[in-house]
C-alpha atoms as a PDB file:
ATOM      1  CA  UNK A   1     124.807 221.170 -45.787  1.00  0.00           C
ATOM      2  CA  UNK A   2     125.411 223.856 -43.209  1.00  0.00           C
ATOM      3  CA  UNK A   3     121.709 224.072 -42.326  1.00  0.00           C
ATOM      4  CA  UNK A   4     121.469 220.299 -42.109  1.00  0.00           C
ATOM      5  CA  UNK A   5     124.485 220.208 -39.796  1.00  0.00           C
ATOM      6  CA  UNK A   6     122.942 222.882 -37.574  1.00  0.00           C
ATOM      7  CA  UNK A   7     119.658 220.981 -37.437  1.00  0.00           C
ATOM      8  CA  UNK A   8     121.461 217.758 -36.553  1.00  0.00           C
ATOM      9  CA  UNK A   9     123.347 219.540 -33.744  1.00  0.00           C
ATOM     10  CA  UNK A  10     120.107 220.984 -32.312  1.00  0.00           C
ATOM     11  CA  UNK A  11     118.400 217.589 -32.385  1.00  0.00           C
ATOM     12  CA  UNK A  12     121.366 216.008 -30.628  1.00  0.00           C
ATOM     13  CA  UNK A  13     121.361 218.750 -27.989  1.00  0.00           C
ATOM     14  CA  UNK A  14     117.663 218.226 -27.384  1.00  0.00           C
ATOM     15  CA  UNK A  15     118.375 214.588 -26.607  1.00  0.00           C
ATOM     16  CA  UNK A  16     121.128 215.474 -24.141  1.00  0.00           C
ATOM     17  CA  UNK A  17     119.645 218.441 -22.300  1.00  0.00           C
ATOM     18  CA  UNK A  18     116.855 217.873 -19.784  1.00  0.00           C
ATOM     19  CA  UNK A  19     113.381 219.217 -20.452  1.00  0.00           C
ATOM     20  CA  UNK A  20     112.094 222.261 -18.614  1.00  0.00           C
ATOM     21  CA  UNK A  21     109.551 220.143 -16.726  1.00  0.00           C
ATOM     22  CA  UNK A  22     109.845 219.586 -12.995  1.00  0.00           C
ATOM     23  CA  UNK A  23     112.383 217.118 -11.709  1.00  0.00           C
ATOM     24  CA  UNK A  24     112.748 215.707  -8.212  1.00  0.00           C
ATOM     25  CA  UNK A  25     116.185 215.674  -6.563  1.00  0.00           C
ATOM     26  CA  UNK A  26     115.863 213.074  -3.822  1.00  0.00           C
ATOM     27  CA  UNK A  27     118.646 212.478  -1.308  1.00  0.00           C
ATOM     28  CA  UNK A  28     118.869 208.754  -0.593  1.00  0.00           C
ATOM     29  CA  UNK A  29     120.657 208.697   2.748  1.00  0.00           C
ATOM     30  CA  UNK A  30     121.145 204.960   3.056  1.00  0.00           C
ATOM     31  CA  UNK A  31     122.386 204.681  -0.511  1.00  0.00           C
ATOM     32  CA  UNK A  32     124.731 207.655  -0.171  1.00  0.00           C
ATOM     33  CA  UNK A  33     123.291 209.045  -3.375  1.00  0.00           C
ATOM     34  CA  UNK A  34     121.090 211.592  -5.106  1.00  0.00           C
ATOM     35  CA  UNK A  35     118.267 210.290  -7.305  1.00  0.00           C
ATOM     36  CA  UNK A  36     116.976 212.594 -10.034  1.00  0.00           C
ATOM     37  CA  UNK A  37     113.434 211.697 -11.131  1.00  0.00           C
ATOM     38  CA  UNK A  38     111.320 213.027 -14.002  1.00  0.00           C
ATOM     39  CA  UNK A  39     108.093 213.729 -12.131  1.00  0.00           C
ATOM     40  CA  UNK A  40     106.030 213.881 -15.338  1.00  0.00           C
ATOM     41  CA  UNK A  41     106.686 210.175 -15.855  1.00  0.00           C
ATOM     42  CA  UNK A  42     107.943 209.295 -12.344  1.00  0.00           C
ATOM     43  CA  UNK A  43     110.917 207.616 -14.013  1.00  0.00           C
ATOM     44  CA  UNK A  44     114.572 207.876 -12.895  1.00  0.00           C
ATOM     45  CA  UNK A  45     116.893 210.149 -14.870  1.00  0.00           C
ATOM     46  CA  UNK A  46     120.113 209.789 -12.897  1.00  0.00           C
ATOM     47  CA  UNK A  47     121.615 208.258  -9.763  1.00  0.00           C
ATOM     48  CA  UNK A  48     124.610 210.246  -8.498  1.00  0.00           C
ATOM     49  CA  UNK A  49     127.004 208.990  -5.847  1.00  0.00           C
ATOM     50  CA  UNK A  50     127.337 211.623  -3.105  1.00  0.00           C
ATOM     51  CA  UNK A  51     128.594 209.928   0.067  1.00  0.00           C
ATOM     52  CA  UNK A  52     128.506 211.095   3.671  1.00  0.00           C
ATOM     53  CA  UNK A  53     124.861 210.068   4.268  1.00  0.00           C
ATOM     54  CA  UNK A  54     123.224 212.877   2.218  1.00  0.00           C
ATOM     55  CA  UNK A  55     120.084 214.387   3.718  1.00  0.00           C
ATOM     56  CA  UNK A  56     119.426 218.058   2.918  1.00  0.00           C
ATOM     57  CA  UNK A  57     118.668 219.319  -0.574  1.00  0.00           C
ATOM     58  CA  UNK A  58     117.933 222.651  -2.236  1.00  0.00           C
ATOM     59  CA  UNK A  59     117.516 223.429  -5.916  1.00  0.00           C
ATOM     60  CA  UNK A  60     118.271 226.943  -7.129  1.00  0.00           C
ATOM     61  CA  UNK A  61     115.357 229.026  -8.402  1.00  0.00           C
ATOM     62  CA  UNK A  62     116.603 228.849 -12.009  1.00  0.00           C
ATOM     63  CA  UNK A  63     117.005 225.073 -11.763  1.00  0.00           C
ATOM     64  CA  UNK A  64     120.673 225.239 -12.730  1.00  0.00           C
ATOM     65  CA  UNK A  65     122.153 223.759  -9.566  1.00  0.00           C
ATOM     66  CA  UNK A  66     121.219 221.504  -6.686  1.00  0.00           C
ATOM     67  CA  UNK A  67     122.959 221.535  -3.314  1.00  0.00           C
ATOM     68  CA  UNK A  68     123.194 218.443  -1.116  1.00  0.00           C
ATOM     69  CA  UNK A  69     124.292 218.309   2.524  1.00  0.00           C
ATOM     70  CA  UNK A  70     126.068 215.307   4.015  1.00  0.00           C
ATOM     71  CA  UNK A  71     126.010 215.521   7.842  1.00  0.00           C
ATOM     72  CA  UNK A  72     128.315 212.547   8.378  1.00  0.00           C
ATOM     73  CA  UNK A  73     130.683 213.455   5.563  1.00  0.00           C
ATOM     74  CA  UNK A  74     130.787 217.116   6.643  1.00  0.00           C
ATOM     75  CA  UNK A  75     130.499 218.581   3.174  1.00  0.00           C
ATOM     76  CA  UNK A  76     128.166 220.294   0.727  1.00  0.00           C
ATOM     77  CA  UNK A  77     127.919 218.811  -2.758  1.00  0.00           C
ATOM     78  CA  UNK A  78     127.333 221.159  -5.688  1.00  0.00           C
ATOM     79  CA  UNK A  79     125.422 219.428  -8.502  1.00  0.00           C
ATOM     80  CA  UNK A  80     125.031 220.685 -12.057  1.00  0.00           C
ATOM     81  CA  UNK A  81     121.290 220.025 -12.264  1.00  0.00           C
ATOM     82  CA  UNK A  82     121.060 220.387 -16.024  1.00  0.00           C
ATOM     83  CA  UNK A  83     123.984 218.131 -16.870  1.00  0.00           C
ATOM     84  CA  UNK A  84     123.077 215.898 -13.897  1.00  0.00           C
ATOM     85  CA  UNK A  85     126.601 215.569 -12.583  1.00  0.00           C
ATOM     86  CA  UNK A  86     128.564 216.474  -9.452  1.00  0.00           C
ATOM     87  CA  UNK A  87     130.591 219.673  -9.819  1.00  0.00           C
ATOM     88  CA  UNK A  88     132.459 219.610  -6.520  1.00  0.00           C
ATOM     89  CA  UNK A  89     132.237 219.233  -2.758  1.00  0.00           C
ATOM     90  CA  UNK A  90     132.826 221.992  -0.204  1.00  0.00           C
ATOM     91  CA  UNK A  91     133.918 220.979   3.331  1.00  0.00           C
ATOM     92  CA  UNK A  92     131.725 222.171   6.220  1.00  0.00           C
ATOM     93  CA  UNK A  93     132.715 221.226   9.748  1.00  0.00           C
ATOM     94  CA  UNK A  94     130.066 220.028  12.181  1.00  0.00           C
ATOM     95  CA  UNK A  95     126.818 218.564  10.903  1.00  0.00           C
ATOM     96  CA  UNK A  96     125.569 220.286   7.739  1.00  0.00           C
ATOM     97  CA  UNK A  97     121.860 219.471   7.411  1.00  0.00           C
ATOM     98  CA  UNK A  98     119.243 222.020   6.325  1.00  0.00           C
ATOM     99  CA  UNK A  99     120.063 224.002   3.185  1.00  0.00           C
ATOM    100  CA  UNK A 100     118.508 226.821   1.156  1.00  0.00           C
ATOM    101  CA  UNK A 101     119.579 228.991  -1.786  1.00  0.00           C
ATOM    102  CA  UNK A 102     119.209 232.749  -2.126  1.00  0.00           C
ATOM    103  CA  UNK A 103     116.820 233.838  -4.919  1.00  0.00           C
ATOM    104  CA  UNK A 104     119.711 235.126  -7.039  1.00  0.00           C
ATOM    105  CA  UNK A 105     121.646 231.881  -6.568  1.00  0.00           C
ATOM    106  CA  UNK A 106     124.740 233.685  -5.280  1.00  0.00           C
ATOM    107  CA  UNK A 107     124.554 232.365  -1.703  1.00  0.00           C
ATOM    108  CA  UNK A 108     123.826 228.970  -0.191  1.00  0.00           C
ATOM    109  CA  UNK A 109     122.803 228.745   3.456  1.00  0.00           C
ATOM    110  CA  UNK A 110     123.570 225.605   5.477  1.00  0.00           C
ATOM    111  CA  UNK A 111     122.453 224.876   9.035  1.00  0.00           C
ATOM    112  CA  UNK A 112     125.133 223.229  11.185  1.00  0.00           C
ATOM    113  CA  UNK A 113     123.235 220.765  13.353  1.00  0.00           C
ATOM    114  CA  UNK A 114     125.990 220.581  15.970  1.00  0.00           C
ATOM    115  CA  UNK A 115     127.693 223.962  15.773  1.00  0.00           C
ATOM    116  CA  UNK A 116     124.794 226.322  16.585  1.00  0.00           C
ATOM    117  CA  UNK A 117     125.443 228.289  13.422  1.00  0.00           C
ATOM    118  CA  UNK A 118     124.212 229.073   9.943  1.00  0.00           C
ATOM    119  CA  UNK A 119     126.914 228.998   7.272  1.00  0.00           C
ATOM    120  CA  UNK A 120     126.725 231.181   4.170  1.00  0.00           C
ATOM    121  CA  UNK A 121     128.634 229.817   1.181  1.00  0.00           C
ATOM    122  CA  UNK A 122     129.598 231.381  -2.129  1.00  0.00           C
ATOM    123  CA  UNK A 123     129.033 228.329  -4.356  1.00  0.00           C
ATOM    124  CA  UNK A 124     131.486 229.514  -7.020  1.00  0.00           C
ATOM    125  CA  UNK A 125     134.380 230.598  -4.829  1.00  0.00           C
ATOM    126  CA  UNK A 126     133.763 228.332  -1.873  1.00  0.00           C
ATOM    127  CA  UNK A 127     134.102 231.269   0.535  1.00  0.00           C
ATOM    128  CA  UNK A 128     132.156 230.979   3.798  1.00  0.00           C
ATOM    129  CA  UNK A 129     131.037 232.998   6.799  1.00  0.00           C
ATOM    130  CA  UNK A 130     128.755 232.062   9.667  1.00  0.00           C
ATOM    131  CA  UNK A 131     126.317 233.519  12.177  1.00  0.00           C
ATOM    132  CA  UNK A 132     125.259 232.075  15.533  1.00  0.00           C
ATOM    133  CA  UNK A 133     121.810 230.483  15.776  1.00  0.00           C
ATOM    134  CA  UNK A 134     120.180 228.127  18.281  1.00  0.00           C
ATOM    135  CA  UNK A 135     120.816 224.525  19.295  1.00  0.00           C
ATOM    136  CA  UNK A 136     120.515 221.710  16.736  1.00  0.00           C
ATOM    137  CA  UNK A 137     119.845 223.975  13.748  1.00  0.00           C
ATOM    138  CA  UNK A 138     117.764 222.001  11.239  1.00  0.00           C
ATOM    139  CA  UNK A 139     115.578 223.448   8.481  1.00  0.00           C
ATOM    140  CA  UNK A 140     116.399 226.633   6.557  1.00  0.00           C
ATOM    141  CA  UNK A 141     114.189 228.844   4.356  1.00  0.00           C
ATOM    142  CA  UNK A 142     114.656 232.193   2.596  1.00  0.00           C
ATOM    143  CA  UNK A 143     111.996 234.804   1.807  1.00  0.00           C
ATOM    144  CA  UNK A 144     111.293 235.324  -1.920  1.00  0.00           C
ATOM    145  CA  UNK A 145     113.044 238.715  -1.867  1.00  0.00           C
ATOM    146  CA  UNK A 146     116.102 237.159  -0.225  1.00  0.00           C
ATOM    147  CA  UNK A 147     116.045 239.579   2.714  1.00  0.00           C
ATOM    148  CA  UNK A 148     115.260 237.194   5.562  1.00  0.00           C
ATOM    149  CA  UNK A 149     116.532 233.706   6.391  1.00  0.00           C
ATOM    150  CA  UNK A 150     114.720 231.508   8.889  1.00  0.00           C
ATOM    151  CA  UNK A 151     116.441 228.676  10.746  1.00  0.00           C
ATOM    152  CA  UNK A 152     114.649 226.028  12.822  1.00  0.00           C
ATOM    153  CA  UNK A 153     116.521 225.720  16.141  1.00  0.00           C
ATOM    154  CA  UNK A 154     115.276 222.289  17.090  1.00  0.00           C
ATOM    155  CA  UNK A 155     116.455 221.965  20.694  1.00  0.00           C
ATOM    156  CA  UNK A 156     115.654 225.602  21.539  1.00  0.00           C
ATOM    157  CA  UNK A 157     112.045 225.263  20.330  1.00  0.00           C
ATOM    158  CA  UNK A 158     112.502 228.434  18.325  1.00  0.00           C
ATOM    159  CA  UNK A 159     113.144 230.020  14.945  1.00  0.00           C
ATOM    160  CA  UNK A 160     116.143 232.271  14.364  1.00  0.00           C
ATOM    161  CA  UNK A 161     115.490 235.251  12.093  1.00  0.00           C
ATOM    162  CA  UNK A 162     118.565 236.314  10.091  1.00  0.00           C
ATOM    163  CA  UNK A 163     118.943 239.575   8.174  1.00  0.00           C
ATOM    164  CA  UNK A 164     120.708 238.313   5.032  1.00  0.00           C
ATOM    165  CA  UNK A 165     122.299 241.651   4.152  1.00  0.00           C
ATOM    166  CA  UNK A 166     123.981 242.178   7.511  1.00  0.00           C
ATOM    167  CA  UNK A 167     124.095 238.415   8.097  1.00  0.00           C
ATOM    168  CA  UNK A 168     123.034 238.909  11.699  1.00  0.00           C
ATOM    169  CA  UNK A 169     120.402 237.273  13.862  1.00  0.00           C
ATOM    170  CA  UNK A 170     117.792 239.970  14.478  1.00  0.00           C
ATOM    171  CA  UNK A 171     115.094 238.001  16.322  1.00  0.00           C
ATOM    172  CA  UNK A 172     114.132 234.678  17.863  1.00  0.00           C
ATOM    173  CA  UNK A 173     110.564 233.387  17.621  1.00  0.00           C
ATOM    174  CA  UNK A 174     109.363 230.713  20.090  1.00  0.00           C
ATOM    175  CA  UNK A 175     107.420 227.914  18.360  1.00  0.00           C
ATOM    176  CA  UNK A 176     106.325 224.368  19.235  1.00  0.00           C
ATOM    177  CA  UNK A 177     108.573 221.646  20.555  1.00  0.00           C
ATOM    178  CA  UNK A 178     111.474 220.573  18.326  1.00  0.00           C
ATOM    179  CA  UNK A 179     110.823 222.426  15.035  1.00  0.00           C
ATOM    180  CA  UNK A 180     112.488 220.647  12.128  1.00  0.00           C
ATOM    181  CA  UNK A 181     111.301 221.742   8.681  1.00  0.00           C
ATOM    182  CA  UNK A 182     110.480 225.393   7.952  1.00  0.00           C
ATOM    183  CA  UNK A 183     108.648 226.664   4.855  1.00  0.00           C
ATOM    184  CA  UNK A 184     107.886 230.231   3.687  1.00  0.00           C
ATOM    185  CA  UNK A 185     104.916 231.141   1.469  1.00  0.00           C
ATOM    186  CA  UNK A 186     105.275 232.682  -1.996  1.00  0.00           C
ATOM    187  CA  UNK A 187     104.419 236.164  -0.708  1.00  0.00           C
ATOM    188  CA  UNK A 188     107.055 236.011   2.020  1.00  0.00           C
ATOM    189  CA  UNK A 189     104.463 236.862   4.657  1.00  0.00           C
ATOM    190  CA  UNK A 190     104.030 233.624   6.574  1.00  0.00           C
ATOM    191  CA  UNK A 191     106.224 230.729   7.598  1.00  0.00           C
ATOM    192  CA  UNK A 192     105.286 227.277   8.827  1.00  0.00           C
ATOM    193  CA  UNK A 193     107.329 225.032  11.098  1.00  0.00           C
ATOM    194  CA  UNK A 194     106.797 221.315  11.616  1.00  0.00           C
ATOM    195  CA  UNK A 195     107.092 220.912  15.396  1.00  0.00           C
ATOM    196  CA  UNK A 196     108.063 217.265  15.792  1.00  0.00           C
ATOM    197  CA  UNK A 197     107.443 216.642  19.479  1.00  0.00           C
ATOM    198  CA  UNK A 198     104.375 218.889  19.741  1.00  0.00           C
ATOM    199  CA  UNK A 199     102.679 217.073  16.838  1.00  0.00           C
ATOM    200  CA  UNK A 200     101.837 220.510  15.496  1.00  0.00           C
ATOM    201  CA  UNK A 201     102.569 223.200  12.923  1.00  0.00           C
ATOM    202  CA  UNK A 202     103.349 226.760  14.022  1.00  0.00           C
ATOM    203  CA  UNK A 203     102.051 229.470  11.669  1.00  0.00           C
ATOM    204  CA  UNK A 204     104.343 232.516  11.847  1.00  0.00           C
ATOM    205  CA  UNK A 205     103.705 236.109  10.797  1.00  0.00           C
ATOM    206  CA  UNK A 206     107.200 236.935   9.525  1.00  0.00           C
ATOM    207  CA  UNK A 207     106.786 240.715   9.695  1.00  0.00           C
ATOM    208  CA  UNK A 208     105.366 240.673  13.212  1.00  0.00           C
ATOM    209  CA  UNK A 209     107.826 237.943  14.217  1.00  0.00           C
ATOM    210  CA  UNK A 210     105.322 235.907  16.165  1.00  0.00           C
ATOM    211  CA  UNK A 211     103.255 232.742  15.988  1.00  0.00           C
ATOM    212  CA  UNK A 212      99.666 233.547  15.010  1.00  0.00           C
ATOM    213  CA  UNK A 213      98.217 230.022  15.014  1.00  0.00           C
ATOM    214  CA  UNK A 214      99.039 226.432  15.888  1.00  0.00           C
ATOM    215  CA  UNK A 215      97.691 223.557  13.797  1.00  0.00           C
ATOM    216  CA  UNK A 216      97.223 220.060  15.153  1.00  0.00           C
ATOM    217  CA  UNK A 217      99.014 217.530  12.949  1.00  0.00           C
ATOM    218  CA  UNK A 218      99.445 213.785  13.395  1.00  0.00           C
ATOM    219  CA  UNK A 219     102.390 211.991  15.004  1.00  0.00           C
ATOM    220  CA  UNK A 220     105.843 213.489  14.400  1.00  0.00           C
ATOM    221  CA  UNK A 221     105.376 216.104  11.662  1.00  0.00           C
ATOM    222  CA  UNK A 222     108.697 216.815   9.937  1.00  0.00           C
ATOM    223  CA  UNK A 223     108.168 219.034   6.912  1.00  0.00           C
ATOM    224  CA  UNK A 224     105.594 221.342   5.277  1.00  0.00           C
ATOM    225  CA  UNK A 225     104.671 222.122   1.648  1.00  0.00           C
ATOM    226  CA  UNK A 226     102.280 224.734   0.244  1.00  0.00           C
ATOM    227  CA  UNK A 227     100.132 224.257  -2.858  1.00  0.00           C
ATOM    228  CA  UNK A 228      96.734 225.319  -4.208  1.00  0.00           C
ATOM    229  CA  UNK A 229      95.934 227.370  -1.115  1.00  0.00           C
ATOM    230  CA  UNK A 230      96.597 224.410   1.140  1.00  0.00           C
ATOM    231  CA  UNK A 231      99.174 223.372   3.738  1.00  0.00           C
ATOM    232  CA  UNK A 232     100.557 219.825   3.458  1.00  0.00           C
ATOM    233  CA  UNK A 233     102.358 218.295   6.445  1.00  0.00           C
ATOM    234  CA  UNK A 234     104.387 215.059   6.349  1.00  0.00           C
ATOM    235  CA  UNK A 235     103.823 213.067   9.557  1.00  0.00           C
ATOM    236  CA  UNK A 236     106.610 210.538   9.990  1.00  0.00           C
ATOM    237  CA  UNK A 237     105.208 208.234  12.668  1.00  0.00           C
ATOM    238  CA  UNK A 238     101.650 208.330  11.309  1.00  0.00           C
ATOM    239  CA  UNK A 239     102.643 207.459   7.715  1.00  0.00           C
ATOM    240  CA  UNK A 240     100.395 210.298   6.637  1.00  0.00           C
ATOM    241  CA  UNK A 241     100.068 213.807   5.227  1.00  0.00           C
ATOM    242  CA  UNK A 242      97.816 216.295   7.044  1.00  0.00           C
ATOM    243  CA  UNK A 243      96.131 218.888   4.829  1.00  0.00           C
ATOM    244  CA  UNK A 244      94.868 222.303   5.998  1.00  0.00           C
ATOM    245  CA  UNK A 245      93.252 225.257   4.263  1.00  0.00           C
ATOM    246  CA  UNK A 246      95.851 228.058   4.192  1.00  0.00           C
ATOM    247  CA  UNK A 247      93.271 230.857   4.491  1.00  0.00           C
ATOM    248  CA  UNK A 248      91.038 229.520   7.260  1.00  0.00           C
ATOM    249  CA  UNK A 249      93.641 227.138   8.735  1.00  0.00           C
ATOM    250  CA  UNK A 250      90.873 224.553   9.052  1.00  0.00           C
ATOM    251  CA  UNK A 251      91.741 220.876   8.594  1.00  0.00           C
ATOM    252  CA  UNK A 252      90.834 219.474   5.165  1.00  0.00           C
ATOM    253  CA  UNK A 253      91.991 215.842   5.131  1.00  0.00           C
ATOM    254  CA  UNK A 254      94.510 213.278   6.278  1.00  0.00           C
ATOM    255  CA  UNK A 255      96.102 211.198   3.513  1.00  0.00           C
ATOM    256  CA  UNK A 256      97.745 207.839   4.107  1.00  0.00           C
ATOM    257  CA  UNK A 257     101.113 207.619   2.357  1.00  0.00           C
ATOM    258  CA  UNK A 258     104.162 205.352   2.519  1.00  0.00           C
ATOM    259  CA  UNK A 259     106.168 204.410   5.562  1.00  0.00           C
ATOM    260  CA  UNK A 260     107.944 207.292   7.372  1.00  0.00           C
ATOM    261  CA  UNK A 261     107.298 210.278   5.095  1.00  0.00           C
ATOM    262  CA  UNK A 262     109.984 212.950   5.469  1.00  0.00           C
ATOM    263  CA  UNK A 263     110.565 215.434   2.637  1.00  0.00           C
ATOM    264  CA  UNK A 264     107.550 217.085   1.054  1.00  0.00           C
ATOM    265  CA  UNK A 265     107.466 219.732  -1.700  1.00  0.00           C
ATOM    266  CA  UNK A 266     105.151 221.156  -4.356  1.00  0.00           C
ATOM    267  CA  UNK A 267     105.551 221.305  -8.116  1.00  0.00           C
ATOM    268  CA  UNK A 268     106.389 224.660  -9.680  1.00  0.00           C
ATOM    269  CA  UNK A 269     102.776 225.166 -10.784  1.00  0.00           C
ATOM    270  CA  UNK A 270     101.368 223.996  -7.450  1.00  0.00           C
ATOM    271  CA  UNK A 271      99.345 221.244  -9.063  1.00  0.00           C
ATOM    272  CA  UNK A 272     101.110 218.385  -7.356  1.00  0.00           C
ATOM    273  CA  UNK A 273     102.731 217.622  -4.035  1.00  0.00           C
ATOM    274  CA  UNK A 274     105.542 215.091  -3.738  1.00  0.00           C
ATOM    275  CA  UNK A 275     106.416 213.200  -0.578  1.00  0.00           C
ATOM    276  CA  UNK A 276     109.525 211.069  -0.005  1.00  0.00           C
ATOM    277  CA  UNK A 277     108.783 208.028   2.139  1.00  0.00           C
ATOM    278  CA  UNK A 278     112.008 207.381   4.018  1.00  0.00           C
ATOM    279  CA  UNK A 279     111.433 203.757   5.048  1.00  0.00           C
ATOM    280  CA  UNK A 280     109.452 202.712   1.941  1.00  0.00           C
ATOM    281  CA  UNK A 281     112.091 203.920  -0.554  1.00  0.00           C
ATOM    282  CA  UNK A 282     109.397 205.630  -2.598  1.00  0.00           C
ATOM    283  CA  UNK A 283     108.455 209.074  -3.914  1.00  0.00           C
ATOM    284  CA  UNK A 284     104.678 209.625  -4.097  1.00  0.00           C
ATOM    285  CA  UNK A 285     102.837 212.195  -6.223  1.00  0.00           C
ATOM    286  CA  UNK A 286      99.619 213.722  -4.826  1.00  0.00           C
ATOM    287  CA  UNK A 287      97.117 215.856  -6.745  1.00  0.00           C
ATOM    288  CA  UNK A 288      96.973 219.076  -4.684  1.00  0.00           C
ATOM    289  CA  UNK A 289      93.319 219.758  -5.619  1.00  0.00           C
ATOM    290  CA  UNK A 290      91.651 216.336  -5.555  1.00  0.00           C
ATOM    291  CA  UNK A 291      94.095 214.926  -2.964  1.00  0.00           C
ATOM    292  CA  UNK A 292      94.326 211.684  -4.926  1.00  0.00           C
ATOM    293  CA  UNK A 293      97.511 209.631  -4.916  1.00  0.00           C
ATOM    294  CA  UNK A 294      98.593 209.746  -8.548  1.00  0.00           C
ATOM    295  CA  UNK A 295     101.830 207.843  -8.972  1.00  0.00           C
ATOM    296  CA  UNK A 296     104.805 206.360  -7.153  1.00  0.00           C
ATOM    297  CA  UNK A 297     108.473 206.072  -8.022  1.00  0.00           C
ATOM    298  CA  UNK A 298     111.161 203.868  -6.507  1.00  0.00           C
ATOM    299  CA  UNK A 299     114.199 205.607  -5.006  1.00  0.00           C
ATOM    300  CA  UNK A 300     117.487 204.579  -3.493  1.00  0.00           C
ATOM    301  CA  UNK A 301     117.612 203.427   0.113  1.00  0.00           C
ATOM    302  CA  UNK A 302     116.453 205.969   2.701  1.00  0.00           C
ATOM    303  CA  UNK A 303     115.007 208.890   0.710  1.00  0.00           C
ATOM    304  CA  UNK A 304     114.931 211.968   2.937  1.00  0.00           C
ATOM    305  CA  UNK A 305     114.670 214.844   0.430  1.00  0.00           C
ATOM    306  CA  UNK A 306     114.854 217.336   3.297  1.00  0.00           C
ATOM    307  CA  UNK A 307     114.373 220.721   1.664  1.00  0.00           C
ATOM    308  CA  UNK A 308     113.226 222.283  -1.623  1.00  0.00           C
ATOM    309  CA  UNK A 309     113.841 219.199  -3.775  1.00  0.00           C
ATOM    310  CA  UNK A 310     111.638 219.971  -6.811  1.00  0.00           C
ATOM    311  CA  UNK A 311     113.145 221.971  -9.672  1.00  0.00           C
ATOM    312  CA  UNK A 312     111.199 224.098 -12.150  1.00  0.00           C
ATOM    313  CA  UNK A 313     110.637 227.766 -12.952  1.00  0.00           C
ATOM    314  CA  UNK A 314     108.559 229.528 -10.267  1.00  0.00           C
END
């Protein structure tokens, strides 16, 4: 009887707990919600009310939590990603937009769009501190070792380099016009900014703190993803994704996607790339090798998914 009871409990738990496969955490700005989608089936798992026009998203490396920014509501929402429920909301004055999580999950970094600052938050205690960055701070990314934080200073046409230990700005790197999304490679050696008004991507040598190449994208690139040795760029006004070879930096292809693509991110294994089409209310899955459009999922109104919105062990 005892063994049967234990088996029954384990079976019940398996039905309740999410699988270890990738899931997409898509901020639906118009709907004021967070959609959680099983990307293996492209079927919805949960629809959580967030409020405050949610935009930014970051999932912790262990997949335990997701963090959602609401620029209009002026708060950060902490989501239990495994239970798929809201834990709490932490007030942040200004315009919280870009968000990233430290590799150990102990710090969350939020760019204040209006306050020219990056806010560091202890997600358990709610304690905060901030450091000055440039004007209209947008995207945020952290190196894999957690030592460096990059912030896209949109109106300064630059990237702020933050030493996470001292929590000080140690450098500023000029890039293209109006950088929005910023992405760091798995080795922590290069970063890529989507320069909206230059219609380009700046390739940055993080150690040397300088731009080493500029890639020509299509109209209004907003975000960048990396997968299978390739660079994927979501072009909002072109309804497309530009693809480049990460080694040679040569153009590979241009893929037509849904209307107004914004957030773009790769699966944990790098086999797929997912793009949220803001005006189409759809999440598209792209095969990173063949570049075929595989599947589509419906989302709530206005999916932005601005940040690292795919969970899964990396």
